[in-house]
C-alpha atoms as a PDB file:
ATOM      1  CA  CYS A   1      39.967  -7.907  19.862  1.00  0.00           C
ATOM      2  CA  ARG A   2      40.323  -6.049  16.626  1.00  0.00           C
ATOM      3  CA  LYS A   3      40.125  -2.298  16.538  1.00  0.00           C
ATOM      4  CA  PRO A   4      36.604  -1.108  17.447  1.00  0.00           C
ATOM      5  CA  ARG A   5      34.689   0.504  14.599  1.00  0.00           C
ATOM      6  CA  ASN A   6      31.362   2.169  13.963  1.00  0.00           C
ATOM      7  CA  HIS A   7      31.292   4.864  16.654  1.00  0.00           C
ATOM      8  CA  LYS A   8      28.241   6.611  15.177  1.00  0.00           C
ATOM      9  CA  PRO A   9      25.822   8.172  17.644  1.00  0.00           C
ATOM     10  CA  ARG A  10      22.580   6.155  17.733  1.00  0.00           C
ATOM     11  CA  VAL A  11      19.050   6.780  18.884  1.00  0.00           C
ATOM     12  CA  GLN A  12      16.609   4.185  20.226  1.00  0.00           C
ATOM     13  CA  PHE A  13      12.869   4.268  19.607  1.00  0.00           C
ATOM     14  CA  PRO A  14      10.547   1.962  21.507  1.00  0.00           C
ATOM     15  CA  GLY A  15       7.142   1.427  19.924  1.00  0.00           C
ATOM     16  CA  SER A  16       4.266   2.772  21.893  1.00  0.00           C
ATOM     17  CA  ARG A  17       2.184   0.414  23.999  1.00  0.00           C
ATOM     18  CA  PRO A  18      -0.526  -1.750  22.355  1.00  0.00           C
ATOM     19  CA  GLY A  19      -3.607   0.267  21.487  1.00  0.00           C
ATOM     20  CA  SER A  20      -1.731   3.547  21.112  1.00  0.00           C
ATOM     21  CA  ALA A  21      -0.305   5.476  18.176  1.00  0.00           C
ATOM     22  CA  LEU A  22       1.674   2.705  16.424  1.00  0.00           C
ATOM     23  CA  GLU A  23      -0.663   1.296  13.789  1.00  0.00           C
ATOM     24  CA  VAL A  24       0.106  -2.286  12.814  1.00  0.00           C
ATOM     25  CA  SER A  25      -1.107  -4.052   9.680  1.00  0.00           C
ATOM     26  CA  VAL A  26      -0.052  -6.595   7.094  1.00  0.00           C
ATOM     27  CA  ASP A  27      -0.198  -5.647   3.430  1.00  0.00           C
ATOM     28  CA  PRO A  28      -0.630  -8.407   0.813  1.00  0.00           C
ATOM     29  CA  SER A  29       2.448  -7.120  -1.065  1.00  0.00           C
ATOM     30  CA  VAL A  30       4.648  -8.125   1.894  1.00  0.00           C
ATOM     31  CA  GLU A  31       6.233 -11.570   1.720  1.00  0.00           C
ATOM     32  CA  LEU A  32       8.124 -13.602   4.300  1.00  0.00           C
ATOM     33  CA  LEU A  33      11.783 -13.985   3.382  1.00  0.00           C
ATOM     34  CA  GLY A  34      13.910 -17.000   4.235  1.00  0.00           C
ATOM     35  CA  THR A  35      17.330 -18.528   3.835  1.00  0.00           C
ATOM     36  CA  GLY A  36      16.730 -19.051   0.105  1.00  0.00           C
ATOM     37  CA  ASP A  37      16.421 -15.273  -0.280  1.00  0.00           C
ATOM     38  CA  VAL A  38      19.788 -14.503   1.357  1.00  0.00           C
ATOM     39  CA  PRO A  39      21.643 -13.659  -1.891  1.00  0.00           C
ATOM     40  CA  GLU A  40      18.961 -11.084  -2.814  1.00  0.00           C
ATOM     41  CA  ILE A  41      18.816  -9.798   0.759  1.00  0.00           C
ATOM     42  CA  LEU A  42      22.590  -9.287   0.846  1.00  0.00           C
ATOM     43  CA  ALA A  43      22.476  -7.512  -2.516  1.00  0.00           C
ATOM     44  CA  LEU A  44      19.794  -5.130  -1.162  1.00  0.00           C
ATOM     45  CA  ILE A  45      21.821  -4.619   2.037  1.00  0.00           C
ATOM     46  CA  GLU A  46      24.885  -3.774  -0.064  1.00  0.00           C
ATOM     47  CA  ARG A  47      22.898  -1.185  -2.061  1.00  0.00           C
ATOM     48  CA  THR A  48      21.214   0.444   0.950  1.00  0.00           C
ATOM     49  CA  LYS A  49      23.677   0.034   3.864  1.00  0.00           C
ATOM     50  CA  PRO A  50      21.132  -0.100   6.750  1.00  0.00           C
ATOM     51  CA  GLY A  51      23.733  -1.405   9.196  1.00  0.00           C
ATOM     52  CA  PRO A  52      25.300  -4.718  10.186  1.00  0.00           C
ATOM     53  CA  PHE A  53      23.754  -7.702   8.400  1.00  0.00           C
ATOM     54  CA  LEU A  54      25.418 -11.055   7.802  1.00  0.00           C
ATOM     55  CA  PRO A  55      24.233 -14.105   5.819  1.00  0.00           C
ATOM     56  CA  ARG A  56      22.709 -15.795   8.913  1.00  0.00           C
ATOM     57  CA  THR A  57      21.006 -12.680  10.309  1.00  0.00           C
ATOM     58  CA  VAL A  58      17.701 -13.880   8.780  1.00  0.00           C
ATOM     59  CA  GLU A  59      17.767 -16.712  11.338  1.00  0.00           C
ATOM     60  CA  MET A  60      17.373 -14.211  14.214  1.00  0.00           C
ATOM     61  CA  GLY A  61      13.700 -13.528  13.484  1.00  0.00           C
ATOM     62  CA  SER A  62      11.144 -13.018  10.745  1.00  0.00           C
ATOM     63  CA  TYR A  63      12.244 -10.890   7.795  1.00  0.00           C
ATOM     64  CA  TYR A  64       9.815  -9.520   5.236  1.00  0.00           C
ATOM     65  CA  GLY A  65      10.281  -8.012   1.804  1.00  0.00           C
ATOM     66  CA  ILE A  66       8.515  -6.297  -1.041  1.00  0.00           C
ATOM     67  CA  ARG A  67       9.322  -7.156  -4.646  1.00  0.00           C
ATOM     68  CA  VAL A  68       8.713  -5.077  -7.747  1.00  0.00           C
ATOM     69  CA  ASP A  69       8.798  -7.024 -11.011  1.00  0.00           C
ATOM     70  CA  GLY A  70      10.309  -9.958  -9.104  1.00  0.00           C
ATOM     71  CA  ARG A  71      13.185  -7.894  -7.656  1.00  0.00           C
ATOM     72  CA  LEU A  72      13.574  -7.441  -3.879  1.00  0.00           C
ATOM     73  CA  VAL A  73      13.456  -3.657  -3.381  1.00  0.00           C
ATOM     74  CA  ALA A  74      12.616  -3.238   0.315  1.00  0.00           C
ATOM     75  CA  MET A  75      12.855  -5.261   3.517  1.00  0.00           C
ATOM     76  CA  ALA A  76      12.655  -5.182   7.304  1.00  0.00           C
ATOM     77  CA  GLY A  77      12.746  -7.805  10.011  1.00  0.00           C
ATOM     78  CA  GLU A  78      13.432  -8.792  13.596  1.00  0.00           C
ATOM     79  CA  ARG A  79      16.808  -9.077  15.274  1.00  0.00           C
ATOM     80  CA  LEU A  80      17.257  -8.592  19.048  1.00  0.00           C
ATOM     81  CA  HIS A  81      14.757 -10.190  21.441  1.00  0.00           C
ATOM     82  CA  PRO A  82      15.151  -8.914  25.022  1.00  0.00           C
ATOM     83  CA  PRO A  83      12.312 -10.237  27.229  1.00  0.00           C
ATOM     84  CA  GLY A  84       9.022  -8.584  26.228  1.00  0.00           C
ATOM     85  CA  TRP A  85      10.557  -6.676  23.313  1.00  0.00           C
ATOM     86  CA  THR A  86      11.657  -7.294  19.710  1.00  0.00           C
ATOM     87  CA  GLU A  87      13.877  -5.031  17.634  1.00  0.00           C
ATOM     88  CA  ILE A  88      12.747  -4.071  14.140  1.00  0.00           C
ATOM     89  CA  SER A  89      15.932  -4.232  12.097  1.00  0.00           C
ATOM     90  CA  ALA A  90      17.376  -3.808   8.597  1.00  0.00           C
ATOM     91  CA  VAL A  91      14.668  -1.429   7.428  1.00  0.00           C
ATOM     92  CA  CYS A  92      15.820  -0.528   3.942  1.00  0.00           C
ATOM     93  CA  THR A  93      14.472   0.480   0.545  1.00  0.00           C
ATOM     94  CA  ASP A  94      16.358   0.616  -2.740  1.00  0.00           C
ATOM     95  CA  SER A  95      16.929   4.266  -3.669  1.00  0.00           C
ATOM     96  CA  ASP A  96      14.931   3.853  -6.908  1.00  0.00           C
ATOM     97  CA  PHE A  97      11.835   2.953  -4.869  1.00  0.00           C
ATOM     98  CA  ARG A  98      11.953   5.409  -1.950  1.00  0.00           C
ATOM     99  CA  GLY A  99       9.040   7.712  -1.273  1.00  0.00           C
ATOM    100  CA  ARG A 100       6.417   5.035  -2.023  1.00  0.00           C
ATOM    101  CA  GLY A 101       5.653   4.052   1.564  1.00  0.00           C
ATOM    102  CA  LEU A 102       7.410   0.687   1.372  1.00  0.00           C
ATOM    103  CA  GLY A 103       9.305   1.252   4.638  1.00  0.00           C
ATOM    104  CA  THR A 104       6.066   2.194   6.399  1.00  0.00           C
ATOM    105  CA  THR A 105       4.335  -0.905   5.033  1.00  0.00           C
ATOM    106  CA  LEU A 106       7.159  -3.171   6.199  1.00  0.00           C
ATOM    107  CA  ILE A 107       7.522  -1.609   9.661  1.00  0.00           C
ATOM    108  CA  ARG A 108       3.777  -2.010  10.256  1.00  0.00           C
ATOM    109  CA  ALA A 109       3.906  -5.644   9.095  1.00  0.00           C
ATOM    110  CA  VAL A 110       6.884  -6.521  11.314  1.00  0.00           C
ATOM    111  CA  ALA A 111       5.259  -4.689  14.252  1.00  0.00           C
ATOM    112  CA  ALA A 112       2.034  -6.675  13.697  1.00  0.00           C
ATOM    113  CA  GLY A 113       3.897  -9.959  14.203  1.00  0.00           C
ATOM    114  CA  ILE A 114       5.631  -8.592  17.296  1.00  0.00           C
ATOM    115  CA  ARG A 115       2.346  -7.373  18.781  1.00  0.00           C
ATOM    116  CA  GLU A 116       0.739 -10.787  18.059  1.00  0.00           C
ATOM    117  CA  ARG A 117       3.248 -12.232  20.524  1.00  0.00           C
ATOM    118  CA  SER A 118       2.265  -9.535  23.068  1.00  0.00           C
ATOM    119  CA  GLU A 119       5.714  -7.971  22.776  1.00  0.00           C
ATOM    120  CA  LEU A 120       6.678  -4.370  22.121  1.00  0.00           C
ATOM    121  CA  PRO A 121       8.615  -3.342  19.017  1.00  0.00           C
ATOM    122  CA  PHE A 122      11.634  -1.047  19.172  1.00  0.00           C
ATOM    123  CA  LEU A 123      14.263   0.086  16.718  1.00  0.00           C
ATOM    124  CA  HIS A 124      17.514   1.989  16.416  1.00  0.00           C
ATOM    125  CA  ALA A 125      18.770   4.557  13.945  1.00  0.00           C
ATOM    126  CA  VAL A 126      21.984   6.398  13.364  1.00  0.00           C
ATOM    127  CA  GLN A 127      21.393   9.868  14.818  1.00  0.00           C
ATOM    128  CA  SER A 128      22.257  11.544  11.514  1.00  0.00           C
ATOM    129  CA  ASN A 129      19.626   9.511   9.608  1.00  0.00           C
ATOM    130  CA  THR A 130      16.961  12.180   9.964  1.00  0.00           C
ATOM    131  CA  ASN A 131      14.727  10.688   7.257  1.00  0.00           C
ATOM    132  CA  ALA A 132      14.454   7.391   9.151  1.00  0.00           C
ATOM    133  CA  ILE A 133      13.919   9.167  12.463  1.00  0.00           C
ATOM    134  CA  ARG A 134      11.164  11.302  10.955  1.00  0.00           C
ATOM    135  CA  LEU A 135       9.488   8.149   9.571  1.00  0.00           C
ATOM    136  CA  TYR A 136       9.718   6.283  12.889  1.00  0.00           C
ATOM    137  CA  GLU A 137       8.245   9.214  14.808  1.00  0.00           C
ATOM    138  CA  SER A 138       5.421   9.572  12.270  1.00  0.00           C
ATOM    139  CA  LEU A 139       4.532   5.913  12.875  1.00  0.00           C
ATOM    140  CA  GLY A 140       4.223   6.379  16.645  1.00  0.00           C
ATOM    141  CA  PHE A 141       7.694   5.480  17.870  1.00  0.00           C
ATOM    142  CA  VAL A 142       9.093   7.797  20.523  1.00  0.00           C
ATOM    143  CA  LEU A 143      12.723   8.673  21.203  1.00  0.00           C
ATOM    144  CA  ARG A 144      13.867   6.840  24.320  1.00  0.00           C
ATOM    145  CA  LYS A 145      17.619   7.160  24.386  1.00  0.00           C
ATOM    146  CA  ARG A 146      20.650   8.546  22.603  1.00  0.00           C
ATOM    147  CA  SER A 147      23.693   6.300  22.759  1.00  0.00           C
ATOM    148  CA  ARG A 148      26.975   5.456  21.101  1.00  0.00           C
ATOM    149  CA  LEU A 149      27.384   1.957  19.721  1.00  0.00           C
ATOM    150  CA  THR A 150      30.807   0.426  19.298  1.00  0.00           C
ATOM    151  CA  ALA A 151      31.111  -2.736  17.219  1.00  0.00           C
ATOM    152  CA  VAL A 152      34.016  -5.043  17.956  1.00  0.00           C
ATOM    153  CA  GLN A 153      35.102  -8.225  16.250  1.00  0.00           C
ATOM    154  CA  ALA A 154      36.937 -11.120  17.823  1.00  0.00           C
ATOM    155  CA  PRO A 155      40.223 -12.023  16.131  1.00  0.00           C
ATOM    156  CA  ALA A 156      40.034 -14.878  13.642  1.00  0.00           C
END
């Protein structure tokens, strides 16, 4: 193994049970992203740094985006799928477009698809990302656990 990296303290937020505080909805400005969008997705990831995201990550679940004047400026999607649960992942908004509710719109859209499958959404955040944590709590997510995540990479 290569040297472990990314020892940032993390927090986990499970979405509340169906019918409770987490409001889900799909906005018409939200579009499904696919493998053809990967170059734009990776460019947005590079600008916003939401966490690990590789070119094939979009194959792990549904990813959605919002475009302004044809440019991808915000996205969120699904990554981990433990039984009965789905992780909302890669929630990010270009800094020029923050404060417009795009993250809220995307989280609600991703959560709607998860709830349609009778699963519960959950997400993670770096503990120091207080803006994200405040947003997640305002949407009805509740802090479940504080943890430390260590990423390792197998040697080439």
